[in-house]
Protein backbone atom coordinates (compact mmCIF):
# COMPACT_ATOMS: atom_id res chain seq x y z
CA MET A 1 0.00 0.00 0.00
CA ILE A 2 1.26 3.46 -0.90
CA ASP A 3 0.88 6.07 1.82
CA ARG A 4 2.67 9.19 3.04
CA HIS A 5 5.20 7.07 4.92
CA ASN A 6 6.67 5.33 1.87
CA ARG A 7 6.68 8.12 -0.71
CA ILE A 8 8.21 11.54 -1.23
CA VAL A 9 6.76 14.36 -3.31
CA ALA A 10 9.17 15.12 -6.16
CA THR A 11 7.15 17.89 -7.86
CA SER A 12 3.96 19.75 -7.06
CA LEU A 13 2.10 21.55 -9.86
CA GLU A 14 -0.48 24.12 -8.70
CA ASP A 15 -3.15 25.88 -10.73
CA PRO A 16 -3.05 29.71 -10.98
CA MET A 17 -5.95 30.09 -8.51
CA GLY A 18 -4.23 27.92 -5.89
CA ILE A 19 -7.18 25.58 -5.45
CA ARG A 20 -5.90 22.50 -7.31
CA CYS A 21 -2.57 20.77 -7.46
CA VAL A 22 -1.00 17.61 -8.79
CA ASP A 23 1.70 15.94 -6.74
CA ILE A 24 4.25 13.80 -8.55
CA TYR A 25 5.72 11.44 -6.00
CA GLN A 26 8.29 8.69 -5.86
CA THR A 27 7.82 5.54 -3.83
CA ASN A 28 10.56 3.76 -1.89
CA ASP A 29 11.02 1.30 -4.76
CA GLY A 30 11.77 4.11 -7.25
CA ARG A 31 8.44 4.19 -9.11
CA PHE A 32 6.58 7.45 -9.80
CA PHE A 33 2.87 8.22 -9.47
CA TRP A 34 0.67 11.33 -9.56
CA ASP A 35 -2.38 12.40 -7.53
CA GLU A 36 -4.65 15.43 -8.05
CA TRP A 37 -5.72 17.44 -4.98
CA ARG A 38 -8.11 20.34 -4.35
CA ARG A 39 -8.83 22.77 -1.56
CA ASP A 40 -11.76 25.04 -0.92
CA PRO A 41 -10.89 28.58 0.23
CA GLU A 42 -13.69 28.53 2.80
CA ASP A 43 -12.51 25.18 4.25
CA PRO A 44 -9.41 25.55 6.47
CA SER A 45 -8.81 21.79 6.72
CA GLY A 46 -6.39 21.69 3.78
CA TRP A 47 -6.02 19.64 0.63
CA HIS A 48 -8.42 16.84 -0.36
CA PRO A 49 -7.86 14.11 -2.99
CA THR A 50 -10.00 14.35 -6.12
CA GLY A 51 -9.58 10.64 -6.84
CA ARG A 52 -7.71 11.25 -10.09
CA ARG A 53 -4.36 9.47 -9.99
CA ASP A 54 -2.19 7.27 -12.14
CA GLY A 55 0.99 5.24 -12.13
CA PRO A 56 3.37 3.64 -11.86
CA PHE A 57 5.79 5.39 -14.20
CA ASP A 58 9.50 4.80 -14.70
CA THR A 59 10.51 8.46 -14.44
CA GLU A 60 9.28 11.71 -12.94
CA GLY A 61 9.04 13.14 -16.46
CA ASP A 62 6.82 10.27 -17.58
CA ALA A 63 4.48 10.92 -14.65
CA ILE A 64 4.33 14.66 -15.41
CA ASN A 65 3.60 14.02 -19.08
CA ALA A 66 0.84 11.56 -18.22
CA ALA A 67 -0.74 14.04 -15.79
CA LYS A 68 -0.69 16.74 -18.49
CA ILE A 69 -2.74 14.49 -20.76
CA ILE A 70 -5.43 13.84 -18.12
CA ILE A 71 -5.52 17.02 -16.01
CA GLU A 72 -6.97 19.77 -18.19
CA TRP A 73 -5.76 22.76 -16.13
CA ILE A 74 -2.05 21.86 -16.35
CA SER A 75 -0.51 24.04 -19.01
CA ASN A 76 2.01 22.54 -21.36
């Protein structure tokens, strides 16, 4: 199981409004994944997963490129 204890965020891409982000993270075994997150300005509890995620990928670049295909707000 992948959780915050066996992964490290390599890159975080945030939308211009600061309400969505995609984290590219690497697991302890060297694989890369991405997760999309959102936050509501009126909700102080922080970031919440949207459920959109993918992986594994061999490289950080592969994960970023895959996220760009799926996540419409990420600019190329």
